[in-house]
């Protein structure tokens, strides 16, 4: 008969092994979806991500003396 501690350890190893096998393709798919194509230069990536021009900040307002 197998000791309960050894059986629990074996079950945990089986679960971790199953998770590793399941997670590997998912991790690869997510990495491929998020990673930009290798041919893009840094400037092209910035242009692709840019949403639009940023409005200039309003000029500082004068504080009345008083």
PDB file of N, CA and C in Angstrom:
ATOM      1  N   UNK A   1       0.843  -1.184   0.000  1.00  0.00           N
ATOM      2  CA  UNK A   1       0.000   0.000   0.000  1.00  0.00           C
ATOM      3  C   UNK A   1       0.890   1.251   0.000  1.00  0.00           C
ATOM      4  N   UNK A   2       0.431   2.291  -0.689  1.00  0.00           N
ATOM      5  CA  UNK A   2       1.196   3.533  -0.812  1.00  0.00           C
ATOM      6  C   UNK A   2       0.803   4.464   0.328  1.00  0.00           C
ATOM      7  N   UNK A   3       1.799   5.099   0.918  1.00  0.00           N
ATOM      8  CA  UNK A   3       1.531   6.045   2.005  1.00  0.00           C
ATOM      9  C   UNK A   3       0.724   7.224   1.463  1.00  0.00           C
ATOM     10  N   UNK A   4      -0.215   7.766   2.268  1.00  0.00           N
ATOM     11  CA  UNK A   4      -1.046   8.877   1.789  1.00  0.00           C
ATOM     12  C   UNK A   4      -0.236  10.084   1.329  1.00  0.00           C
ATOM     13  N   UNK A   5       0.890  10.364   2.008  1.00  0.00           N
ATOM     14  CA  UNK A   5       1.717  11.509   1.614  1.00  0.00           C
ATOM     15  C   UNK A   5       2.310  11.295   0.224  1.00  0.00           C
ATOM     16  N   UNK A   6       2.778  10.070  -0.019  1.00  0.00           N
ATOM     17  CA  UNK A   6       3.373   9.753  -1.317  1.00  0.00           C
ATOM     18  C   UNK A   6       2.316   9.803  -2.413  1.00  0.00           C
ATOM     19  N   UNK A   7       1.111   9.318  -2.103  1.00  0.00           N
ATOM     20  CA  UNK A   7       0.035   9.343  -3.087  1.00  0.00           C
ATOM     21  C   UNK A   7      -0.361  10.790  -3.405  1.00  0.00           C
ATOM     22  N   UNK A   8      -0.439  11.638  -2.393  1.00  0.00           N
ATOM     23  CA  UNK A   8      -0.786  13.042  -2.610  1.00  0.00           C
ATOM     24  C   UNK A   8       0.289  13.730  -3.439  1.00  0.00           C
ATOM     25  N   UNK A   9       1.551  13.422  -3.158  1.00  0.00           N
ATOM     26  CA  UNK A   9       2.648  14.020  -3.927  1.00  0.00           C
ATOM     27  C   UNK A   9       2.587  13.577  -5.380  1.00  0.00           C
ATOM     28  N   UNK A  10       2.292  12.302  -5.600  1.00  0.00           N
ATOM     29  CA  UNK A  10       2.191  11.791  -6.967  1.00  0.00           C
ATOM     30  C   UNK A  10       1.027  12.447  -7.698  1.00  0.00           C
ATOM     31  N   UNK A  11      -0.099  12.598  -7.020  1.00  0.00           N
ATOM     32  CA  UNK A  11      -1.252  13.252  -7.644  1.00  0.00           C
ATOM     33  C   UNK A  11      -0.934  14.702  -7.992  1.00  0.00           C
ATOM     34  N   UNK A  12      -0.222  15.384  -7.104  1.00  0.00           N
ATOM     35  CA  UNK A  12       0.153  16.773  -7.373  1.00  0.00           C
ATOM     36  C   UNK A  12       1.079  16.848  -8.581  1.00  0.00           C
ATOM     37  N   UNK A  13       2.006  15.907  -8.695  1.00  0.00           N
ATOM     38  CA  UNK A  13       2.911  15.897  -9.850  1.00  0.00           C
ATOM     39  C   UNK A  13       2.137  15.671 -11.141  1.00  0.00           C
ATOM     40  N   UNK A  14       1.151  14.791 -11.093  1.00  0.00           N
ATOM     41  CA  UNK A  14       0.334  14.521 -12.276  1.00  0.00           C
ATOM     42  C   UNK A  14      -0.450  15.769 -12.668  1.00  0.00           C
ATOM     43  N   UNK A  15      -1.005  16.463 -11.688  1.00  0.00           N
ATOM     44  CA  UNK A  15      -1.776  17.680 -11.971  1.00  0.00           C
ATOM     45  C   UNK A  15      -0.873  18.748 -12.569  1.00  0.00           C
ATOM     46  N   UNK A  16       0.311  18.956 -11.976  1.00  0.00           N
ATOM     47  CA  UNK A  16       1.238  19.971 -12.505  1.00  0.00           C
ATOM     48  C   UNK A  16       1.691  19.614 -13.912  1.00  0.00           C
ATOM     49  N   UNK A  17       1.923  18.345 -14.167  1.00  0.00           N
ATOM     50  CA  UNK A  17       2.337  17.922 -15.508  1.00  0.00           C
ATOM     51  C   UNK A  17       1.224  18.187 -16.514  1.00  0.00           C
ATOM     52  N   UNK A  18      -0.015  17.910 -16.118  1.00  0.00           N
ATOM     53  CA  UNK A  18      -1.149  18.168 -17.015  1.00  0.00           C
ATOM     54  C   UNK A  18      -1.303  19.659 -17.276  1.00  0.00           C
ATOM     55  N   UNK A  19      -1.127  20.481 -16.243  1.00  0.00           N
ATOM     56  CA  UNK A  19      -1.219  21.932 -16.429  1.00  0.00           C
ATOM     57  C   UNK A  19      -0.115  22.438 -17.349  1.00  0.00           C
ATOM     58  N   UNK A  20       1.076  21.902 -17.200  1.00  0.00           N
ATOM     59  CA  UNK A  20       2.193  22.337 -18.042  1.00  0.00           C
ATOM     60  C   UNK A  20       1.931  21.999 -19.502  1.00  0.00           C
ATOM     61  N   UNK A  21       1.394  20.814 -19.758  1.00  0.00           N
ATOM     62  CA  UNK A  21       1.097  20.404 -21.130  1.00  0.00           C
ATOM     63  C   UNK A  21      -0.020  21.261 -21.706  1.00  0.00           C
ATOM     64  N   UNK A  22      -1.012  21.591 -20.886  1.00  0.00           N
ATOM     65  CA  UNK A  22      -2.144  22.395 -21.348  1.00  0.00           C
ATOM     66  C   UNK A  22      -1.740  23.848 -21.550  1.00  0.00           C
ATOM     67  N   UNK A  23      -0.908  24.372 -20.667  1.00  0.00           N
ATOM     68  CA  UNK A  23      -0.568  25.793 -20.714  1.00  0.00           C
ATOM     69  C   UNK A  23       0.419  26.124 -21.824  1.00  0.00           C
ATOM     70  N   UNK A  24       1.254  25.201 -22.219  1.00  0.00           N
ATOM     71  CA  UNK A  24       2.290  25.497 -23.214  1.00  0.00           C
ATOM     72  C   UNK A  24       1.708  26.021 -24.528  1.00  0.00           C
ATOM     73  N   UNK A  25       0.720  25.350 -25.146  1.00  0.00           N
ATOM     74  CA  UNK A  25       0.182  25.885 -26.404  1.00  0.00           C
ATOM     75  C   UNK A  25      -0.547  27.214 -26.206  1.00  0.00           C
ATOM     76  N   UNK A  26      -1.212  27.364 -25.072  1.00  0.00           N
ATOM     77  CA  UNK A  26      -1.930  28.617 -24.805  1.00  0.00           C
ATOM     78  C   UNK A  26      -0.932  29.756 -24.663  1.00  0.00           C
ATOM     79  N   UNK A  27       0.141  29.523 -23.918  1.00  0.00           N
ATOM     80  CA  UNK A  27       1.164  30.552 -23.737  1.00  0.00           C
ATOM     81  C   UNK A  27       1.800  30.921 -25.074  1.00  0.00           C
ATOM     82  N   UNK A  28       2.064  29.936 -25.913  1.00  0.00           N
ATOM     83  CA  UNK A  28       2.664  30.210 -27.220  1.00  0.00           C
ATOM     84  C   UNK A  28       1.717  31.024 -28.094  1.00  0.00           C
ATOM     85  N   UNK A  29       0.426  30.702 -28.060  1.00  0.00           N
ATOM     86  CA  UNK A  29      -0.548  31.436 -28.872  1.00  0.00           C
ATOM     87  C   UNK A  29      -0.682  32.876 -28.403  1.00  0.00           C
ATOM     88  N   UNK A  30      -0.724  33.080 -27.101  1.00  0.00           N
ATOM     89  CA  UNK A  30      -0.844  34.442 -26.567  1.00  0.00           C
ATOM     90  C   UNK A  30       0.414  35.240 -26.890  1.00  0.00           C
ATOM     91  N   UNK A  31       1.576  34.636 -26.734  1.00  0.00           N
ATOM     92  CA  UNK A  31       2.825  35.333 -27.042  1.00  0.00           C
ATOM     93  C   UNK A  31       2.875  35.729 -28.510  1.00  0.00           C
ATOM     94  N   UNK A  32       2.444  34.838 -29.391  1.00  0.00           N
ATOM     95  CA  UNK A  32       2.463  35.146 -30.821  1.00  0.00           C
ATOM     96  C   UNK A  32       1.472  36.250 -31.155  1.00  0.00           C
ATOM     97  N   UNK A  33       0.339  36.277 -30.466  1.00  0.00           N
ATOM     98  CA  UNK A  33      -0.675  37.295 -30.748  1.00  0.00           C
ATOM     99  C   UNK A  33      -0.242  38.664 -30.251  1.00  0.00           C
ATOM    100  N   UNK A  34       0.491  38.713 -29.165  1.00  0.00           N
ATOM    101  CA  UNK A  34       0.875  39.988 -28.564  1.00  0.00           C
ATOM    102  C   UNK A  34       2.166  40.531 -29.176  1.00  0.00           C
ATOM    103  N   UNK A  35       3.055  39.673 -29.565  1.00  0.00           N
ATOM    104  CA  UNK A  35       4.363  40.083 -30.080  1.00  0.00           C
ATOM    105  C   UNK A  35       4.204  40.711 -31.465  1.00  0.00           C
ATOM    106  N   UNK A  36       4.831  41.864 -31.712  1.00  0.00           N
ATOM    107  CA  UNK A  36       4.751  42.467 -33.042  1.00  0.00           C
ATOM    108  C   UNK A  36       5.566  41.653 -34.047  1.00  0.00           C
ATOM    109  N   UNK A  37       5.247  41.760 -35.319  1.00  0.00           N
ATOM    110  CA  UNK A  37       6.040  41.039 -36.316  1.00  0.00           C
ATOM    111  C   UNK A  37       7.515  41.454 -36.231  1.00  0.00           C
ATOM    112  N   UNK A  38       8.434  40.540 -36.454  1.00  0.00           N
ATOM    113  CA  UNK A  38       9.848  40.861 -36.291  1.00  0.00           C
ATOM    114  C   UNK A  38      10.366  41.866 -37.315  1.00  0.00           C
ATOM    115  N   UNK A  39       9.634  42.090 -38.394  1.00  0.00           N
ATOM    116  CA  UNK A  39      10.111  43.012 -39.424  1.00  0.00           C
ATOM    117  C   UNK A  39       9.808  44.461 -39.081  1.00  0.00           C
ATOM    118  N   UNK A  40       9.013  44.703 -38.068  1.00  0.00           N
ATOM    119  CA  UNK A  40       8.668  46.077 -37.710  1.00  0.00           C
ATOM    120  C   UNK A  40       9.823  46.748 -36.995  1.00  0.00           C
ATOM    121  N   UNK A  41      10.095  47.964 -37.380  1.00  0.00           N
ATOM    122  CA  UNK A  41      11.082  48.765 -36.656  1.00  0.00           C
ATOM    123  C   UNK A  41      10.370  49.437 -35.490  1.00  0.00           C
ATOM    124  N   UNK A  42      11.123  49.974 -34.573  1.00  0.00           N
ATOM    125  CA  UNK A  42      10.523  50.597 -33.390  1.00  0.00           C
ATOM    126  C   UNK A  42       9.610  51.751 -33.788  1.00  0.00           C
ATOM    127  N   UNK A  43       9.995  52.547 -34.773  1.00  0.00           N
ATOM    128  CA  UNK A  43       9.172  53.672 -35.207  1.00  0.00           C
ATOM    129  C   UNK A  43       7.863  53.222 -35.824  1.00  0.00           C
ATOM    130  N   UNK A  44       7.912  52.147 -36.607  1.00  0.00           N
ATOM    131  CA  UNK A  44       6.686  51.634 -37.220  1.00  0.00           C
ATOM    132  C   UNK A  44       5.731  51.121 -36.154  1.00  0.00           C
ATOM    133  N   UNK A  45       6.274  50.479 -35.141  1.00  0.00           N
ATOM    134  CA  UNK A  45       5.432  49.977 -34.058  1.00  0.00           C
ATOM    135  C   UNK A  45       4.779  51.139 -33.326  1.00  0.00           C
ATOM    136  N   UNK A  46       5.548  52.192 -33.081  1.00  0.00           N
ATOM    137  CA  UNK A  46       4.993  53.359 -32.390  1.00  0.00           C
ATOM    138  C   UNK A  46       3.887  53.992 -33.223  1.00  0.00           C
ATOM    139  N   UNK A  47       4.057  54.056 -34.534  1.00  0.00           N
ATOM    140  CA  UNK A  47       3.021  54.628 -35.395  1.00  0.00           C
ATOM    141  C   UNK A  47       1.784  53.742 -35.407  1.00  0.00           C
ATOM    142  N   UNK A  48       1.975  52.443 -35.380  1.00  0.00           N
ATOM    143  CA  UNK A  48       0.838  51.531 -35.406  1.00  0.00           C
ATOM    144  C   UNK A  48       0.040  51.610 -34.116  1.00  0.00           C
ATOM    145  N   UNK A  49       0.712  51.872 -33.013  1.00  0.00           N
ATOM    146  CA  UNK A  49       0.043  51.912 -31.718  1.00  0.00           C
ATOM    147  C   UNK A  49      -0.545  53.288 -31.442  1.00  0.00           C
ATOM    148  N   UNK A  50       0.014  54.311 -32.067  1.00  0.00           N
ATOM    149  CA  UNK A  50      -0.417  55.682 -31.788  1.00  0.00           C
ATOM    150  C   UNK A  50      -1.897  55.855 -32.109  1.00  0.00           C
ATOM    151  N   UNK A  51      -2.611  56.497 -31.230  1.00  0.00           N
ATOM    152  CA  UNK A  51      -4.049  56.670 -31.410  1.00  0.00           C
ATOM    153  C   UNK A  51      -4.350  57.923 -32.219  1.00  0.00           C
ATOM    154  N   UNK A  52      -3.563  58.922 -32.059  1.00  0.00           N
ATOM    155  CA  UNK A  52      -3.778  60.166 -32.777  1.00  0.00           C
ATOM    156  C   UNK A  52      -2.928  61.251 -32.167  1.00  0.00           C
ATOM    157  N   UNK A  53      -3.002  62.440 -32.741  1.00  0.00           N
ATOM    158  CA  UNK A  53      -2.180  63.527 -32.207  1.00  0.00           C
ATOM    159  C   UNK A  53      -2.635  63.930 -30.808  1.00  0.00           C
ATOM    160  N   UNK A  54      -1.702  64.318 -30.022  1.00  0.00           N
ATOM    161  CA  UNK A  54      -2.005  64.759 -28.662  1.00  0.00           C
ATOM    162  C   UNK A  54      -2.187  66.267 -28.691  1.00  0.00           C
ATOM    163  N   UNK A  55      -3.268  66.731 -28.111  1.00  0.00           N
ATOM    164  CA  UNK A  55      -3.537  68.170 -28.092  1.00  0.00           C
ATOM    165  C   UNK A  55      -2.508  68.867 -27.214  1.00  0.00           C
ATOM    166  N   UNK A  56      -2.037  70.033 -27.650  1.00  0.00           N
ATOM    167  CA  UNK A  56      -1.067  70.748 -26.813  1.00  0.00           C
ATOM    168  C   UNK A  56      -1.712  71.203 -25.512  1.00  0.00           C
ATOM    169  N   UNK A  57      -0.906  71.316 -24.503  1.00  0.00           N
ATOM    170  CA  UNK A  57      -1.413  71.760 -23.202  1.00  0.00           C
ATOM    171  C   UNK A  57      -1.822  73.223 -23.291  1.00  0.00           C
ATOM    172  N   UNK A  58      -2.814  73.592 -22.525  1.00  0.00           N
ATOM    173  CA  UNK A  58      -3.274  74.987 -22.504  1.00  0.00           C
ATOM    174  C   UNK A  58      -2.186  75.855 -21.883  1.00  0.00           C
ATOM    175  N   UNK A  59      -2.040  77.083 -22.380  1.00  0.00           N
ATOM    176  CA  UNK A  59      -1.024  77.963 -21.787  1.00  0.00           C
ATOM    177  C   UNK A  59      -1.381  78.268 -20.336  1.00  0.00           C
ATOM    178  N   UNK A  60      -0.393  78.520 -19.512  1.00  0.00           N
ATOM    179  CA  UNK A  60      -0.687  78.802 -18.101  1.00  0.00           C
ATOM    180  C   UNK A  60      -1.499  80.086 -17.961  1.00  0.00           C
ATOM    181  N   UNK A  61      -2.420  80.068 -17.035  1.00  0.00           N
ATOM    182  CA  UNK A  61      -3.269  81.249 -16.809  1.00  0.00           C
ATOM    183  C   UNK A  61      -2.578  82.193 -15.843  1.00  0.00           C
ATOM    184  N   UNK A  62      -2.751  83.464 -16.114  1.00  0.00           N
ATOM    185  CA  UNK A  62      -2.146  84.471 -15.241  1.00  0.00           C
ATOM    186  C   UNK A  62      -2.927  84.537 -13.939  1.00  0.00           C
ATOM    187  N   UNK A  63      -2.221  84.622 -12.852  1.00  0.00           N
ATOM    188  CA  UNK A  63      -2.856  84.736 -11.543  1.00  0.00           C
ATOM    189  C   UNK A  63      -2.936  86.219 -11.207  1.00  0.00           C
ATOM    190  N   UNK A  64      -4.142  86.725 -10.945  1.00  0.00           N
ATOM    191  CA  UNK A  64      -4.259  88.155 -10.635  1.00  0.00           C
ATOM    192  C   UNK A  64      -3.530  88.501  -9.338  1.00  0.00           C
ATOM    193  N   UNK A  65      -2.838  89.597  -9.372  1.00  0.00           N
ATOM    194  CA  UNK A  65      -2.129  90.043  -8.175  1.00  0.00           C
ATOM    195  C   UNK A  65      -3.146  90.582  -7.186  1.00  0.00           C
ATOM    196  N   UNK A  66      -2.985  90.264  -5.979  1.00  0.00           N
ATOM    197  CA  UNK A  66      -3.971  90.814  -5.089  1.00  0.00           C
ATOM    198  C   UNK A  66      -3.771  90.455  -3.727  1.00  0.00           C
TER     199      UNK A  66
END
